[in-house]
Amino acid sequence: MKTMSSYFRKWRLKPNPSKTEVTCFHLNNSFAKTKLNVKFENQPVVHNFQPKYLGVTLDRTLSFKNHLSKTAEKLKARNNIIQKLCGSSWGASTPVLRTSALALVYSCAEYCAPAWINSSHCRLVDTQLNNTMRMISGLIRPTPTPWLPILSHIPPPDLRRQEALQREFKKISSNLNLPIHQDIEDETWQIEITPPSCRNSYCPTNI
């Protein structure tokens, strides 16, 4: 806080402590409800257990459970729009439904996916995406889940997230001017991300 105060004074900036929040990331459950006592410009800073940063809700253990639960609710509402489009007499062709699903549902489902790709709560989002693929393909509930990506011509959600992670990694590693290169050791950037193994249910040879 002293460093930030010095920075603000140097550049003639006026911070607003009332709009400032503080949080702590840890795995110690015994301190799960402990609040930090931090002051900024001699004013107490509010402790937020689940702050939101760039549209992503963070939590103490970085499990992203709250964020993915909210995302699943958004996807459910957007699936209702796709479902109404499926039941209409216009615009219900498969290409239109697929494009609508990618633009309306998948864009929301994959927002900041590289940040929460390893969360154990990704299934909350995957369940709604499975419903999306069923609707745009005209499939019924008993249809096996591995067949949904094939019949809807949309890669599985986990593979799409892996691809998004690879794109983000390549973009960061190619721009050496980003500050992240100063925070991570050089050896880390020598690691090459290999494409995820092709699932048997989605391999072109099995279609």
N, C-alpha and C. Protein backbone atom coordinates (compact mmCIF):
# COMPACT_ATOMS: atom_id res chain seq x y z
N MET A 1 0.81 -1.18 0.00
CA MET A 1 0.00 0.00 0.00
C MET A 1 0.87 1.26 0.00
N LYS A 2 2.00 1.19 0.69
CA LYS A 2 2.90 2.34 0.69
C LYS A 2 3.45 2.59 -0.71
N THR A 3 3.75 1.52 -1.42
CA THR A 3 4.25 1.67 -2.79
C THR A 3 3.20 2.29 -3.69
N MET A 4 1.96 1.86 -3.55
CA MET A 4 0.89 2.42 -4.35
C MET A 4 0.64 3.88 -4.00
N SER A 5 0.69 4.21 -2.72
CA SER A 5 0.50 5.60 -2.31
C SER A 5 1.58 6.50 -2.88
N SER A 6 2.82 6.00 -2.86
CA SER A 6 3.92 6.79 -3.44
C SER A 6 3.74 6.98 -4.93
N TYR A 7 3.26 5.93 -5.61
CA TYR A 7 3.03 6.03 -7.05
C TYR A 7 1.94 7.06 -7.36
N PHE A 8 0.86 7.04 -6.59
CA PHE A 8 -0.23 7.99 -6.83
C PHE A 8 0.22 9.42 -6.59
N ARG A 9 0.99 9.63 -5.54
CA ARG A 9 1.47 10.98 -5.26
C ARG A 9 2.44 11.46 -6.33
N LYS A 10 3.24 10.54 -6.85
CA LYS A 10 4.22 10.92 -7.86
C LYS A 10 3.54 11.40 -9.14
N TRP A 11 2.47 10.74 -9.52
CA TRP A 11 1.79 11.06 -10.78
C TRP A 11 0.52 11.88 -10.57
N ARG A 12 0.40 12.51 -9.42
CA ARG A 12 -0.72 13.41 -9.14
C ARG A 12 -2.07 12.71 -9.30
N LEU A 13 -2.14 11.48 -8.83
CA LEU A 13 -3.39 10.72 -8.89
C LEU A 13 -4.04 10.68 -7.52
N LYS A 14 -5.36 10.63 -7.51
CA LYS A 14 -6.10 10.60 -6.25
C LYS A 14 -6.86 9.29 -6.14
N PRO A 15 -6.40 8.37 -5.31
CA PRO A 15 -7.09 7.08 -5.18
C PRO A 15 -8.39 7.22 -4.39
N ASN A 16 -9.25 6.24 -4.55
CA ASN A 16 -10.53 6.20 -3.84
C ASN A 16 -10.56 4.95 -2.97
N PRO A 17 -10.19 5.07 -1.70
CA PRO A 17 -10.16 3.88 -0.83
C PRO A 17 -11.52 3.21 -0.67
N SER A 18 -12.61 3.98 -0.80
CA SER A 18 -13.94 3.39 -0.62
C SER A 18 -14.28 2.42 -1.73
N LYS A 19 -13.64 2.54 -2.89
CA LYS A 19 -13.88 1.63 -4.01
C LYS A 19 -12.78 0.57 -4.14
N THR A 20 -11.90 0.53 -3.16
CA THR A 20 -10.80 -0.43 -3.16
C THR A 20 -11.17 -1.64 -2.32
N GLU A 21 -10.82 -2.82 -2.80
CA GLU A 21 -11.10 -4.06 -2.09
C GLU A 21 -9.82 -4.85 -1.91
N VAL A 22 -9.82 -5.69 -0.90
CA VAL A 22 -8.67 -6.55 -0.63
C VAL A 22 -9.17 -7.97 -0.42
N THR A 23 -8.36 -8.93 -0.82
CA THR A 23 -8.70 -10.34 -0.63
C THR A 23 -7.43 -11.13 -0.40
N CYS A 24 -7.57 -12.38 -0.01
CA CYS A 24 -6.42 -13.23 0.27
C CYS A 24 -6.69 -14.62 -0.31
N PHE A 25 -5.73 -15.14 -1.05
CA PHE A 25 -5.85 -16.46 -1.66
C PHE A 25 -5.01 -17.46 -0.86
N HIS A 26 -5.66 -18.49 -0.35
CA HIS A 26 -4.95 -19.51 0.43
C HIS A 26 -5.82 -20.76 0.50
N LEU A 27 -5.24 -21.84 1.01
CA LEU A 27 -5.93 -23.13 1.12
C LEU A 27 -6.16 -23.55 2.57
N ASN A 28 -5.89 -22.66 3.50
CA ASN A 28 -6.05 -22.98 4.92
C ASN A 28 -7.50 -22.74 5.33
N ASN A 29 -8.24 -23.82 5.52
CA ASN A 29 -9.67 -23.70 5.84
C ASN A 29 -9.92 -23.09 7.21
N SER A 30 -8.96 -23.20 8.11
CA SER A 30 -9.16 -22.63 9.44
C SER A 30 -9.20 -21.10 9.41
N PHE A 31 -8.69 -20.51 8.34
CA PHE A 31 -8.73 -19.05 8.19
C PHE A 31 -9.65 -18.64 7.05
N ALA A 32 -10.63 -19.49 6.76
CA ALA A 32 -11.50 -19.23 5.62
C ALA A 32 -12.32 -17.96 5.79
N LYS A 33 -12.72 -17.66 7.03
CA LYS A 33 -13.57 -16.49 7.28
C LYS A 33 -12.80 -15.33 7.89
N THR A 34 -11.50 -15.42 7.89
CA THR A 34 -10.68 -14.35 8.45
C THR A 34 -10.59 -13.19 7.48
N LYS A 35 -10.80 -11.99 8.00
CA LYS A 35 -10.73 -10.79 7.17
C LYS A 35 -9.41 -10.07 7.40
N LEU A 36 -8.87 -9.51 6.34
CA LEU A 36 -7.63 -8.76 6.44
C LEU A 36 -7.92 -7.35 6.94
N ASN A 37 -7.06 -6.88 7.81
CA ASN A 37 -7.17 -5.52 8.33
C ASN A 37 -6.14 -4.65 7.61
N VAL A 38 -6.57 -4.04 6.53
CA VAL A 38 -5.67 -3.25 5.68
C VAL A 38 -6.21 -1.83 5.58
N LYS A 39 -5.31 -0.88 5.66
CA LYS A 39 -5.68 0.53 5.52
C LYS A 39 -4.98 1.13 4.31
N PHE A 40 -5.71 1.97 3.62
CA PHE A 40 -5.18 2.65 2.44
C PHE A 40 -5.53 4.13 2.56
N GLU A 41 -4.50 4.96 2.58
CA GLU A 41 -4.69 6.39 2.81
C GLU A 41 -5.42 6.63 4.13
N ASN A 42 -5.00 5.84 5.14
CA ASN A 42 -5.55 5.94 6.50
C ASN A 42 -7.04 5.61 6.57
N GLN A 43 -7.54 4.88 5.60
CA GLN A 43 -8.93 4.44 5.60
C GLN A 43 -8.97 2.92 5.48
N PRO A 44 -9.85 2.26 6.23
CA PRO A 44 -9.93 0.79 6.14
C PRO A 44 -10.44 0.35 4.77
N VAL A 45 -9.85 -0.72 4.27
CA VAL A 45 -10.22 -1.27 2.97
C VAL A 45 -11.16 -2.46 3.18
N VAL A 46 -12.22 -2.52 2.39
CA VAL A 46 -13.21 -3.59 2.51
C VAL A 46 -12.60 -4.92 2.07
N HIS A 47 -12.82 -5.95 2.86
CA HIS A 47 -12.36 -7.30 2.49
C HIS A 47 -13.48 -8.00 1.73
N ASN A 48 -13.19 -8.41 0.51
CA ASN A 48 -14.16 -9.11 -0.33
C ASN A 48 -13.67 -10.54 -0.53
N PHE A 49 -14.48 -11.51 -0.07
CA PHE A 49 -14.07 -12.91 -0.20
C PHE A 49 -14.18 -13.41 -1.63
N GLN A 50 -15.01 -12.78 -2.43
CA GLN A 50 -15.19 -13.20 -3.83
C GLN A 50 -15.18 -11.97 -4.74
N PRO A 51 -14.02 -11.39 -4.94
CA PRO A 51 -13.94 -10.20 -5.80
C PRO A 51 -14.09 -10.58 -7.27
N LYS A 52 -14.48 -9.62 -8.05
CA LYS A 52 -14.63 -9.83 -9.49
C LYS A 52 -13.59 -8.98 -10.21
N TYR A 53 -12.83 -9.63 -11.09
CA TYR A 53 -11.78 -8.95 -11.84
C TYR A 53 -11.94 -9.26 -13.32
N LEU A 54 -12.19 -8.22 -14.10
CA LEU A 54 -12.38 -8.36 -15.54
C LEU A 54 -13.47 -9.38 -15.86
N GLY A 55 -14.54 -9.36 -15.07
CA GLY A 55 -15.67 -10.25 -15.33
C GLY A 55 -15.53 -11.64 -14.78
N VAL A 56 -14.42 -11.95 -14.11
CA VAL A 56 -14.20 -13.28 -13.54
C VAL A 56 -14.29 -13.19 -12.03
N THR A 57 -15.17 -13.98 -11.44
CA THR A 57 -15.33 -14.00 -9.99
C THR A 57 -14.28 -14.91 -9.37
N LEU A 58 -13.43 -14.34 -8.52
CA LEU A 58 -12.37 -15.10 -7.87
C LEU A 58 -12.84 -15.59 -6.50
N ASP A 59 -12.16 -16.58 -5.97
CA ASP A 59 -12.48 -17.08 -4.64
C ASP A 59 -11.19 -17.42 -3.92
N ARG A 60 -11.31 -17.77 -2.65
CA ARG A 60 -10.14 -17.96 -1.80
C ARG A 60 -9.20 -19.04 -2.33
N THR A 61 -9.74 -20.16 -2.81
CA THR A 61 -8.92 -21.28 -3.26
C THR A 61 -8.70 -21.29 -4.77
N LEU A 62 -9.21 -20.29 -5.45
CA LEU A 62 -9.12 -20.22 -6.92
C LEU A 62 -9.71 -21.47 -7.57
N SER A 63 -10.81 -21.93 -7.00
CA SER A 63 -11.53 -23.06 -7.61
C SER A 63 -12.50 -22.61 -8.69
N PHE A 64 -12.83 -21.31 -8.69
CA PHE A 64 -13.73 -20.71 -9.68
C PHE A 64 -15.12 -21.33 -9.65
N LYS A 65 -15.51 -21.89 -8.51
CA LYS A 65 -16.83 -22.52 -8.41
C LYS A 65 -17.94 -21.49 -8.58
N ASN A 66 -17.81 -20.36 -7.89
CA ASN A 66 -18.84 -19.33 -7.98
C ASN A 66 -18.93 -18.77 -9.39
N HIS A 67 -17.78 -18.55 -10.01
CA HIS A 67 -17.78 -18.00 -11.37
C HIS A 67 -18.43 -18.96 -12.36
N LEU A 68 -18.09 -20.23 -12.27
CA LEU A 68 -18.65 -21.21 -13.20
C LEU A 68 -20.13 -21.46 -12.93
N SER A 69 -20.55 -21.33 -11.68
CA SER A 69 -21.98 -21.46 -11.38
C SER A 69 -22.77 -20.32 -12.02
N LYS A 70 -22.23 -19.10 -11.92
CA LYS A 70 -22.89 -17.96 -12.55
C LYS A 70 -22.88 -18.09 -14.07
N THR A 71 -21.77 -18.59 -14.61
CA THR A 71 -21.69 -18.78 -16.06
C THR A 71 -22.70 -19.80 -16.53
N ALA A 72 -22.87 -20.87 -15.76
CA ALA A 72 -23.85 -21.90 -16.13
C ALA A 72 -25.26 -21.33 -16.14
N GLU A 73 -25.57 -20.43 -15.21
CA GLU A 73 -26.89 -19.80 -15.19
C GLU A 73 -27.08 -18.91 -16.42
N LYS A 74 -26.04 -18.21 -16.82
CA LYS A 74 -26.12 -17.39 -18.03
C LYS A 74 -26.35 -18.27 -19.26
N LEU A 75 -25.64 -19.38 -19.32
CA LEU A 75 -25.78 -20.28 -20.46
C LEU A 75 -27.18 -20.88 -20.51
N LYS A 76 -27.74 -21.16 -19.35
CA LYS A 76 -29.10 -21.71 -19.31
C LYS A 76 -30.10 -20.72 -19.89
N ALA A 77 -29.94 -19.43 -19.58
CA ALA A 77 -30.83 -18.41 -20.12
C ALA A 77 -30.64 -18.26 -21.62
N ARG A 78 -29.41 -18.37 -22.10
CA ARG A 78 -29.15 -18.24 -23.53
C ARG A 78 -29.60 -19.48 -24.29
N ASN A 79 -29.54 -20.62 -23.63
CA ASN A 79 -30.07 -21.83 -24.26
C ASN A 79 -31.57 -21.73 -24.48
N ASN A 80 -32.24 -21.01 -23.60
CA ASN A 80 -33.68 -20.82 -23.77
C ASN A 80 -33.97 -20.04 -25.05
N ILE A 81 -33.09 -19.10 -25.38
CA ILE A 81 -33.25 -18.34 -26.63
C ILE A 81 -33.04 -19.25 -27.83
N ILE A 82 -32.00 -20.09 -27.76
CA ILE A 82 -31.74 -21.04 -28.85
C ILE A 82 -32.90 -22.01 -29.00
N GLN A 83 -33.47 -22.42 -27.88
CA GLN A 83 -34.59 -23.36 -27.93
C GLN A 83 -35.81 -22.74 -28.60
N LYS A 84 -36.06 -21.47 -28.33
CA LYS A 84 -37.18 -20.79 -28.98
C LYS A 84 -36.93 -20.65 -30.48
N LEU A 85 -35.66 -20.44 -30.84
CA LEU A 85 -35.33 -20.35 -32.26
C LEU A 85 -35.52 -21.70 -32.94
N CYS A 86 -35.22 -22.78 -32.22
CA CYS A 86 -35.41 -24.12 -32.79
C CYS A 86 -36.88 -24.41 -33.05
N GLY A 87 -37.76 -23.87 -32.22
CA GLY A 87 -39.17 -24.15 -32.38
C GLY A 87 -39.90 -23.21 -33.31
N SER A 88 -39.18 -22.27 -33.92
CA SER A 88 -39.82 -21.32 -34.82
C SER A 88 -39.86 -21.88 -36.23
N SER A 89 -40.67 -21.25 -37.06
CA SER A 89 -40.79 -21.68 -38.46
C SER A 89 -39.76 -21.02 -39.35
N TRP A 90 -38.95 -20.12 -38.79
CA TRP A 90 -37.90 -19.45 -39.57
C TRP A 90 -36.59 -19.50 -38.77
N GLY A 91 -35.49 -19.50 -39.47
CA GLY A 91 -34.18 -19.45 -38.82
C GLY A 91 -33.81 -20.70 -38.06
N ALA A 92 -34.48 -21.82 -38.33
CA ALA A 92 -34.21 -23.03 -37.56
C ALA A 92 -33.34 -24.02 -38.33
N SER A 93 -32.70 -23.58 -39.39
CA SER A 93 -31.81 -24.48 -40.13
C SER A 93 -30.56 -24.76 -39.30
N THR A 94 -29.95 -25.88 -39.56
CA THR A 94 -28.79 -26.30 -38.77
C THR A 94 -27.64 -25.30 -38.83
N PRO A 95 -27.25 -24.77 -40.00
CA PRO A 95 -26.15 -23.79 -40.02
C PRO A 95 -26.45 -22.54 -39.21
N VAL A 96 -27.70 -22.07 -39.29
CA VAL A 96 -28.06 -20.87 -38.54
C VAL A 96 -28.04 -21.14 -37.04
N LEU A 97 -28.54 -22.29 -36.63
CA LEU A 97 -28.55 -22.64 -35.22
C LEU A 97 -27.13 -22.81 -34.69
N ARG A 98 -26.27 -23.41 -35.49
CA ARG A 98 -24.88 -23.61 -35.06
C ARG A 98 -24.18 -22.27 -34.91
N THR A 99 -24.36 -21.37 -35.88
CA THR A 99 -23.74 -20.05 -35.79
C THR A 99 -24.28 -19.27 -34.60
N SER A 100 -25.58 -19.36 -34.38
CA SER A 100 -26.19 -18.66 -33.24
C SER A 100 -25.67 -19.20 -31.92
N ALA A 101 -25.49 -20.51 -31.84
CA ALA A 101 -24.98 -21.12 -30.60
C ALA A 101 -23.54 -20.70 -30.34
N LEU A 102 -22.72 -20.68 -31.38
CA LEU A 102 -21.32 -20.27 -31.19
C LEU A 102 -21.22 -18.82 -30.77
N ALA A 103 -22.07 -17.97 -31.34
CA ALA A 103 -22.00 -16.54 -31.04
C ALA A 103 -22.64 -16.20 -29.70
N LEU A 104 -23.72 -16.87 -29.37
CA LEU A 104 -24.48 -16.51 -28.18
C LEU A 104 -24.09 -17.31 -26.95
N VAL A 105 -23.87 -18.59 -27.11
CA VAL A 105 -23.63 -19.46 -25.96
C VAL A 105 -22.14 -19.70 -25.74
N TYR A 106 -21.44 -20.14 -26.77
CA TYR A 106 -20.03 -20.51 -26.60
C TYR A 106 -19.15 -19.31 -26.28
N SER A 107 -19.49 -18.13 -26.81
CA SER A 107 -18.70 -16.95 -26.50
C SER A 107 -18.73 -16.63 -25.01
N CYS A 108 -19.87 -16.87 -24.39
CA CYS A 108 -20.00 -16.65 -22.94
C CYS A 108 -19.34 -17.79 -22.16
N ALA A 109 -19.48 -19.01 -22.65
CA ALA A 109 -18.96 -20.17 -21.93
C ALA A 109 -17.44 -20.20 -21.92
N GLU A 110 -16.79 -19.64 -22.93
CA GLU A 110 -15.34 -19.74 -23.05
C GLU A 110 -14.63 -18.45 -22.68
N TYR A 111 -15.34 -17.52 -22.05
CA TYR A 111 -14.70 -16.26 -21.66
C TYR A 111 -13.66 -16.53 -20.57
N CYS A 112 -12.43 -16.12 -20.81
CA CYS A 112 -11.31 -16.32 -19.87
C CYS A 112 -11.12 -17.79 -19.52
N ALA A 113 -11.40 -18.67 -20.47
CA ALA A 113 -11.26 -20.11 -20.20
C ALA A 113 -9.84 -20.51 -19.81
N PRO A 114 -8.77 -19.92 -20.36
CA PRO A 114 -7.43 -20.33 -19.92
C PRO A 114 -7.18 -20.11 -18.44
N ALA A 115 -7.95 -19.23 -17.79
CA ALA A 115 -7.74 -18.97 -16.36
C ALA A 115 -8.34 -20.08 -15.50
N TRP A 116 -9.47 -20.63 -15.90
CA TRP A 116 -10.15 -21.63 -15.06
C TRP A 116 -10.23 -22.99 -15.73
N ILE A 117 -9.36 -23.26 -16.70
CA ILE A 117 -9.43 -24.50 -17.47
C ILE A 117 -9.23 -25.73 -16.60
N ASN A 118 -8.45 -25.61 -15.51
CA ASN A 118 -8.17 -26.76 -14.65
C ASN A 118 -9.12 -26.88 -13.47
N SER A 119 -10.18 -26.08 -13.45
CA SER A 119 -11.13 -26.15 -12.34
C SER A 119 -11.91 -27.46 -12.39
N SER A 120 -12.19 -28.00 -11.21
CA SER A 120 -12.97 -29.24 -11.13
C SER A 120 -14.46 -28.99 -11.33
N HIS A 121 -14.85 -27.73 -11.49
CA HIS A 121 -16.27 -27.39 -11.66
C HIS A 121 -16.60 -27.05 -13.10
N CYS A 122 -15.74 -27.40 -14.02
CA CYS A 122 -16.01 -27.15 -15.44
C CYS A 122 -17.24 -27.91 -15.93
N ARG A 123 -17.59 -28.97 -15.23
CA ARG A 123 -18.74 -29.77 -15.65
C ARG A 123 -20.03 -28.96 -15.60
N LEU A 124 -20.07 -27.92 -14.76
CA LEU A 124 -21.26 -27.07 -14.70
C LEU A 124 -21.50 -26.39 -16.04
N VAL A 125 -20.42 -25.95 -16.67
CA VAL A 125 -20.51 -25.31 -17.98
C VAL A 125 -20.72 -26.36 -19.07
N ASP A 126 -20.02 -27.49 -18.95
CA ASP A 126 -20.13 -28.53 -19.98
C ASP A 126 -21.55 -29.07 -20.08
N THR A 127 -22.25 -29.15 -18.96
CA THR A 127 -23.63 -29.65 -18.99
C THR A 127 -24.52 -28.77 -19.85
N GLN A 128 -24.37 -27.46 -19.71
CA GLN A 128 -25.17 -26.54 -20.51
C GLN A 128 -24.76 -26.58 -21.98
N LEU A 129 -23.47 -26.75 -22.25
CA LEU A 129 -23.02 -26.84 -23.64
C LEU A 129 -23.51 -28.13 -24.29
N ASN A 130 -23.61 -29.19 -23.52
CA ASN A 130 -24.19 -30.43 -24.06
C ASN A 130 -25.65 -30.21 -24.46
N ASN A 131 -26.37 -29.46 -23.65
CA ASN A 131 -27.76 -29.14 -24.01
C ASN A 131 -27.82 -28.30 -25.28
N THR A 132 -26.84 -27.41 -25.43
CA THR A 132 -26.79 -26.59 -26.65
C THR A 132 -26.59 -27.45 -27.88
N MET A 133 -25.65 -28.39 -27.80
CA MET A 133 -25.38 -29.26 -28.94
C MET A 133 -26.58 -30.16 -29.25
N ARG A 134 -27.31 -30.58 -28.23
CA ARG A 134 -28.50 -31.40 -28.47
C ARG A 134 -29.57 -30.60 -29.23
N MET A 135 -29.73 -29.33 -28.85
CA MET A 135 -30.78 -28.53 -29.47
C MET A 135 -30.48 -28.22 -30.93
N ILE A 136 -29.24 -27.81 -31.21
CA ILE A 136 -28.93 -27.42 -32.59
C ILE A 136 -28.84 -28.62 -33.52
N SER A 137 -28.67 -29.82 -32.94
CA SER A 137 -28.60 -31.02 -33.77
C SER A 137 -29.93 -31.76 -33.83
N GLY A 138 -30.90 -31.33 -33.05
CA GLY A 138 -32.19 -32.01 -33.03
C GLY A 138 -32.14 -33.37 -32.38
N LEU A 139 -31.22 -33.54 -31.42
CA LEU A 139 -31.06 -34.84 -30.77
C LEU A 139 -31.94 -34.92 -29.52
N ILE A 140 -32.21 -36.13 -29.10
CA ILE A 140 -33.03 -36.36 -27.91
C ILE A 140 -32.11 -36.65 -26.73
N ARG A 141 -32.70 -36.66 -25.54
CA ARG A 141 -31.92 -36.82 -24.31
C ARG A 141 -31.13 -38.13 -24.26
N PRO A 142 -31.66 -39.29 -24.70
CA PRO A 142 -30.89 -40.53 -24.60
C PRO A 142 -29.67 -40.60 -25.50
N THR A 143 -29.47 -39.62 -26.38
CA THR A 143 -28.30 -39.65 -27.26
C THR A 143 -27.02 -39.62 -26.43
N PRO A 144 -26.08 -40.55 -26.63
CA PRO A 144 -24.84 -40.56 -25.86
C PRO A 144 -24.08 -39.24 -26.00
N THR A 145 -23.54 -38.77 -24.89
CA THR A 145 -22.82 -37.49 -24.88
C THR A 145 -21.63 -37.47 -25.83
N PRO A 146 -20.82 -38.54 -25.97
CA PRO A 146 -19.69 -38.49 -26.91
C PRO A 146 -20.09 -38.23 -28.36
N TRP A 147 -21.36 -38.48 -28.72
CA TRP A 147 -21.79 -38.26 -30.09
C TRP A 147 -22.20 -36.81 -30.35
N LEU A 148 -22.41 -36.03 -29.32
CA LEU A 148 -22.89 -34.66 -29.50
C LEU A 148 -21.92 -33.79 -30.31
N PRO A 149 -20.61 -33.79 -30.01
CA PRO A 149 -19.71 -32.96 -30.82
C PRO A 149 -19.66 -33.39 -32.29
N ILE A 150 -19.80 -34.68 -32.54
CA ILE A 150 -19.73 -35.17 -33.92
C ILE A 150 -20.94 -34.72 -34.71
N LEU A 151 -22.12 -34.88 -34.14
CA LEU A 151 -23.35 -34.57 -34.86
C LEU A 151 -23.60 -33.07 -34.96
N SER A 152 -23.05 -32.29 -34.04
CA SER A 152 -23.23 -30.84 -34.10
C SER A 152 -22.07 -30.13 -34.80
N HIS A 153 -21.02 -30.87 -35.16
CA HIS A 153 -19.84 -30.31 -35.82
C HIS A 153 -19.19 -29.21 -34.99
N ILE A 154 -19.16 -29.42 -33.69
CA ILE A 154 -18.50 -28.51 -32.76
C ILE A 154 -17.57 -29.35 -31.88
N PRO A 155 -16.29 -29.02 -31.79
CA PRO A 155 -15.38 -29.80 -30.94
C PRO A 155 -15.85 -29.83 -29.49
N PRO A 156 -15.47 -30.86 -28.74
CA PRO A 156 -15.85 -30.95 -27.33
C PRO A 156 -15.39 -29.73 -26.55
N PRO A 157 -16.11 -29.35 -25.50
CA PRO A 157 -15.76 -28.14 -24.75
C PRO A 157 -14.34 -28.15 -24.19
N ASP A 158 -13.88 -29.30 -23.69
CA ASP A 158 -12.54 -29.33 -23.11
C ASP A 158 -11.47 -29.13 -24.18
N LEU A 159 -11.68 -29.65 -25.39
CA LEU A 159 -10.71 -29.45 -26.46
C LEU A 159 -10.71 -28.00 -26.93
N ARG A 160 -11.85 -27.35 -26.95
CA ARG A 160 -11.91 -25.94 -27.32
C ARG A 160 -11.18 -25.09 -26.28
N ARG A 161 -11.30 -25.46 -25.01
CA ARG A 161 -10.58 -24.71 -23.97
C ARG A 161 -9.07 -24.93 -24.08
N GLN A 162 -8.67 -26.16 -24.41
CA GLN A 162 -7.25 -26.43 -24.61
C GLN A 162 -6.70 -25.60 -25.77
N GLU A 163 -7.47 -25.49 -26.83
CA GLU A 163 -7.04 -24.70 -27.98
C GLU A 163 -6.93 -23.23 -27.61
N ALA A 164 -7.87 -22.73 -26.81
CA ALA A 164 -7.80 -21.34 -26.36
C ALA A 164 -6.58 -21.10 -25.49
N LEU A 165 -6.23 -22.08 -24.67
CA LEU A 165 -5.03 -21.97 -23.84
C LEU A 165 -3.78 -21.93 -24.69
N GLN A 166 -3.71 -22.75 -25.71
CA GLN A 166 -2.55 -22.75 -26.60
C GLN A 166 -2.41 -21.42 -27.33
N ARG A 167 -3.52 -20.87 -27.80
CA ARG A 167 -3.45 -19.57 -28.47
C ARG A 167 -2.96 -18.48 -27.53
N GLU A 168 -3.45 -18.51 -26.29
CA GLU A 168 -3.03 -17.50 -25.32
C GLU A 168 -1.55 -17.65 -24.98
N PHE A 169 -1.10 -18.89 -24.83
CA PHE A 169 0.31 -19.12 -24.51
C PHE A 169 1.22 -18.65 -25.64
N LYS A 170 0.85 -18.95 -26.87
CA LYS A 170 1.66 -18.53 -28.01
C LYS A 170 1.68 -17.01 -28.14
N LYS A 171 0.55 -16.37 -27.86
CA LYS A 171 0.50 -14.92 -27.97
C LYS A 171 1.39 -14.26 -26.91
N ILE A 172 1.37 -14.81 -25.70
CA ILE A 172 2.19 -14.24 -24.63
C ILE A 172 3.67 -14.51 -24.87
N SER A 173 3.99 -15.73 -25.28
CA SER A 173 5.40 -16.09 -25.48
C SER A 173 6.02 -15.36 -26.65
N SER A 174 5.23 -14.93 -27.62
CA SER A 174 5.77 -14.22 -28.77
C SER A 174 5.97 -12.74 -28.51
N ASN A 175 5.37 -12.21 -27.46
CA ASN A 175 5.51 -10.79 -27.13
C ASN A 175 6.39 -10.66 -25.89
N LEU A 176 7.67 -10.41 -26.10
CA LEU A 176 8.62 -10.35 -24.99
C LEU A 176 8.52 -9.07 -24.19
N ASN A 177 7.72 -8.13 -24.62
CA ASN A 177 7.58 -6.86 -23.90
C ASN A 177 6.55 -6.93 -22.77
N LEU A 178 5.83 -8.02 -22.68
CA LEU A 178 4.83 -8.15 -21.62
C LEU A 178 5.50 -8.32 -20.26
N PRO A 179 4.96 -7.70 -19.22
CA PRO A 179 5.58 -7.81 -17.88
C PRO A 179 5.59 -9.22 -17.32
N ILE A 180 4.75 -10.10 -17.85
CA ILE A 180 4.69 -11.46 -17.30
C ILE A 180 6.02 -12.19 -17.47
N HIS A 181 6.81 -11.79 -18.47
CA HIS A 181 8.10 -12.44 -18.69
C HIS A 181 9.08 -12.11 -17.57
N GLN A 182 8.86 -11.03 -16.85
CA GLN A 182 9.73 -10.67 -15.73
C GLN A 182 9.35 -11.42 -14.46
N ASP A 183 8.12 -11.94 -14.42
CA ASP A 183 7.65 -12.64 -13.23
C ASP A 183 7.88 -14.14 -13.29
N ILE A 184 8.07 -14.67 -14.49
CA ILE A 184 8.24 -16.11 -14.66
C ILE A 184 9.65 -16.39 -15.18
N GLU A 185 10.26 -17.44 -14.66
CA GLU A 185 11.61 -17.79 -15.07
C GLU A 185 11.65 -18.13 -16.56
N ASP A 186 12.80 -17.89 -17.15
CA ASP A 186 12.95 -18.12 -18.59
C ASP A 186 12.75 -19.58 -18.96
N GLU A 187 13.12 -20.50 -18.04
CA GLU A 187 12.99 -21.91 -18.36
C GLU A 187 11.54 -22.31 -18.58
N THR A 188 10.63 -21.59 -17.96
CA THR A 188 9.22 -21.95 -18.08
C THR A 188 8.73 -21.79 -19.50
N TRP A 189 9.26 -20.79 -20.21
CA TRP A 189 8.79 -20.50 -21.56
C TRP A 189 9.37 -21.46 -22.59
N GLN A 190 10.31 -22.31 -22.16
CA GLN A 190 10.86 -23.29 -23.08
C GLN A 190 9.95 -24.51 -23.22
N ILE A 191 8.93 -24.60 -22.35
CA ILE A 191 8.02 -25.73 -22.39
C ILE A 191 7.10 -25.59 -23.60
N GLU A 192 7.00 -26.61 -24.39
CA GLU A 192 6.12 -26.59 -25.55
C GLU A 192 4.81 -27.28 -25.21
N ILE A 193 3.73 -26.63 -25.56
CA ILE A 193 2.41 -27.21 -25.33
C ILE A 193 2.06 -28.12 -26.50
N THR A 194 1.88 -29.37 -26.21
CA THR A 194 1.50 -30.32 -27.26
C THR A 194 0.00 -30.37 -27.36
N PRO A 195 -0.54 -30.56 -28.56
CA PRO A 195 -1.99 -30.64 -28.71
C PRO A 195 -2.56 -31.77 -27.89
N PRO A 196 -3.76 -31.61 -27.34
CA PRO A 196 -4.38 -32.69 -26.55
C PRO A 196 -4.64 -33.90 -27.42
N SER A 197 -4.55 -35.06 -26.78
CA SER A 197 -4.77 -36.30 -27.52
C SER A 197 -6.18 -36.35 -28.05
N CYS A 198 -6.32 -36.87 -29.25
CA CYS A 198 -7.63 -36.92 -29.90
C CYS A 198 -8.48 -38.01 -29.27
N ARG A 199 -9.65 -37.64 -28.88
CA ARG A 199 -10.55 -38.62 -28.32
C ARG A 199 -11.04 -39.57 -29.40
N ASN A 200 -11.26 -40.80 -28.99
CA ASN A 200 -11.75 -41.77 -29.96
C ASN A 200 -13.11 -41.39 -30.50
N SER A 201 -13.91 -40.70 -29.67
CA SER A 201 -15.27 -40.35 -30.10
C SER A 201 -15.27 -39.18 -31.07
N TYR A 202 -14.11 -38.48 -31.21
CA TYR A 202 -14.10 -37.31 -32.07
C TYR A 202 -13.04 -37.39 -33.16
N CYS A 203 -12.31 -38.49 -33.22
CA CYS A 203 -11.30 -38.63 -34.26
C CYS A 203 -11.96 -38.75 -35.63
N PRO A 204 -11.43 -38.04 -36.63
CA PRO A 204 -12.03 -38.11 -37.97
C PRO A 204 -12.09 -39.52 -38.53
N THR A 205 -11.14 -40.38 -38.11
CA THR A 205 -11.12 -41.73 -38.67
C THR A 205 -12.30 -42.56 -38.18
N ASN A 206 -12.92 -42.11 -37.07
CA ASN A 206 -14.03 -42.88 -36.51
C ASN A 206 -15.38 -42.31 -36.91
N ILE A 207 -15.39 -41.23 -37.66
CA ILE A 207 -16.66 -40.63 -38.07
C ILE A 207 -17.20 -41.34 -39.30
